[in-house]
């Protein structure tokens, strides 16, 4: 039991002290994502070297009629 806690604490310390790569944001990117029942398009705009603003628009297809809105 003590071994499990020791390993857990060791992994927590290593993950906190580990350094990741330097992140950088590209100027702007466009993309399309598809799924089984939908299609989405997105654009990311660089605000600073570390922050990007993402706008996304998409369409989901309802599998059953009236699943999003009540029938009229």
C-alpha atoms as a PDB file:
ATOM      1  CA  UNK A   1       0.000   0.000   0.000  1.00  0.00           C
ATOM      2  CA  UNK A   2       2.841   2.383   0.846  1.00  0.00           C
ATOM      3  CA  UNK A   3       4.473   1.590  -2.490  1.00  0.00           C
ATOM      4  CA  UNK A   4       1.382   2.774  -4.386  1.00  0.00           C
ATOM      5  CA  UNK A   5       1.345   6.092  -2.520  1.00  0.00           C
ATOM      6  CA  UNK A   6       5.071   6.564  -3.038  1.00  0.00           C
ATOM      7  CA  UNK A   7       4.709   5.997  -6.786  1.00  0.00           C
ATOM      8  CA  UNK A   8       1.703   8.331  -6.943  1.00  0.00           C
ATOM      9  CA  UNK A   9       3.567  11.110  -5.092  1.00  0.00           C
ATOM     10  CA  UNK A  10       6.648  10.589  -7.262  1.00  0.00           C
ATOM     11  CA  UNK A  11       4.598  10.860 -10.461  1.00  0.00           C
ATOM     12  CA  UNK A  12       2.874  14.003  -9.164  1.00  0.00           C
ATOM     13  CA  UNK A  13       6.222  15.659  -8.349  1.00  0.00           C
ATOM     14  CA  UNK A  14       7.726  14.707 -11.705  1.00  0.00           C
ATOM     15  CA  UNK A  15       4.713  15.986 -13.629  1.00  0.00           C
ATOM     16  CA  UNK A  16       4.755  19.324 -11.788  1.00  0.00           C
ATOM     17  CA  UNK A  17       8.475  19.881 -12.274  1.00  0.00           C
ATOM     18  CA  UNK A  18       8.583  18.760 -15.929  1.00  0.00           C
ATOM     19  CA  UNK A  19       8.938  21.538 -18.495  1.00  0.00           C
ATOM     20  CA  UNK A  20       7.006  21.392 -21.738  1.00  0.00           C
ATOM     21  CA  UNK A  21       8.011  22.867 -25.060  1.00  0.00           C
ATOM     22  CA  UNK A  22       7.625  26.579 -25.655  1.00  0.00           C
ATOM     23  CA  UNK A  23       4.198  27.204 -27.139  1.00  0.00           C
ATOM     24  CA  UNK A  24       3.819  29.484 -30.116  1.00  0.00           C
ATOM     25  CA  UNK A  25       0.713  30.473 -32.052  1.00  0.00           C
ATOM     26  CA  UNK A  26       0.666  30.635 -35.852  1.00  0.00           C
ATOM     27  CA  UNK A  27      -0.661  33.743 -37.628  1.00  0.00           C
ATOM     28  CA  UNK A  28      -4.036  32.279 -38.596  1.00  0.00           C
ATOM     29  CA  UNK A  29      -5.374  28.867 -39.460  1.00  0.00           C
ATOM     30  CA  UNK A  30      -8.508  27.543 -41.116  1.00  0.00           C
ATOM     31  CA  UNK A  31      -9.968  24.092 -40.835  1.00  0.00           C
ATOM     32  CA  UNK A  32     -12.902  21.792 -41.394  1.00  0.00           C
ATOM     33  CA  UNK A  33     -14.044  19.054 -39.043  1.00  0.00           C
ATOM     34  CA  UNK A  34     -16.460  16.335 -40.009  1.00  0.00           C
ATOM     35  CA  UNK A  35     -18.326  13.815 -37.964  1.00  0.00           C
ATOM     36  CA  UNK A  36     -20.910  11.117 -38.490  1.00  0.00           C
ATOM     37  CA  UNK A  37     -23.816  13.586 -38.357  1.00  0.00           C
ATOM     38  CA  UNK A  38     -22.224  16.996 -38.747  1.00  0.00           C
ATOM     39  CA  UNK A  39     -19.813  19.398 -40.389  1.00  0.00           C
ATOM     40  CA  UNK A  40     -17.959  22.302 -38.742  1.00  0.00           C
ATOM     41  CA  UNK A  41     -15.589  24.983 -39.991  1.00  0.00           C
ATOM     42  CA  UNK A  42     -13.250  26.999 -37.784  1.00  0.00           C
ATOM     43  CA  UNK A  43     -10.742  29.824 -37.928  1.00  0.00           C
ATOM     44  CA  UNK A  44      -8.089  30.704 -35.370  1.00  0.00           C
ATOM     45  CA  UNK A  45      -6.607  34.198 -35.206  1.00  0.00           C
ATOM     46  CA  UNK A  46      -3.395  35.037 -33.350  1.00  0.00           C
ATOM     47  CA  UNK A  47      -3.885  37.569 -30.538  1.00  0.00           C
ATOM     48  CA  UNK A  48      -0.428  37.169 -28.972  1.00  0.00           C
ATOM     49  CA  UNK A  49       2.369  34.595 -29.006  1.00  0.00           C
ATOM     50  CA  UNK A  50       0.488  32.457 -26.477  1.00  0.00           C
ATOM     51  CA  UNK A  51      -3.204  33.250 -27.090  1.00  0.00           C
ATOM     52  CA  UNK A  52      -5.424  32.532 -30.093  1.00  0.00           C
ATOM     53  CA  UNK A  53      -9.093  33.320 -30.686  1.00  0.00           C
ATOM     54  CA  UNK A  54     -11.116  30.519 -32.286  1.00  0.00           C
ATOM     55  CA  UNK A  55     -14.402  31.057 -34.127  1.00  0.00           C
ATOM     56  CA  UNK A  56     -16.417  28.021 -35.132  1.00  0.00           C
ATOM     57  CA  UNK A  57     -19.618  27.419 -37.083  1.00  0.00           C
ATOM     58  CA  UNK A  58     -21.235  24.087 -37.784  1.00  0.00           C
ATOM     59  CA  UNK A  59     -24.283  22.050 -38.586  1.00  0.00           C
ATOM     60  CA  UNK A  60     -25.542  18.978 -36.737  1.00  0.00           C
ATOM     61  CA  UNK A  61     -28.100  16.727 -38.375  1.00  0.00           C
ATOM     62  CA  UNK A  62     -30.837  15.391 -36.123  1.00  0.00           C
ATOM     63  CA  UNK A  63     -31.267  11.635 -36.299  1.00  0.00           C
ATOM     64  CA  UNK A  64     -34.936  11.818 -35.304  1.00  0.00           C
ATOM     65  CA  UNK A  65     -37.320  14.543 -36.433  1.00  0.00           C
ATOM     66  CA  UNK A  66     -38.111  17.024 -33.655  1.00  0.00           C
ATOM     67  CA  UNK A  67     -35.094  16.076 -31.550  1.00  0.00           C
ATOM     68  CA  UNK A  68     -33.937  19.713 -31.265  1.00  0.00           C
ATOM     69  CA  UNK A  69     -37.248  21.588 -31.657  1.00  0.00           C
ATOM     70  CA  UNK A  70     -40.773  20.489 -30.831  1.00  0.00           C
ATOM     71  CA  UNK A  71     -42.915  19.455 -33.780  1.00  0.00           C
ATOM     72  CA  UNK A  72     -45.431  22.066 -34.935  1.00  0.00           C
END
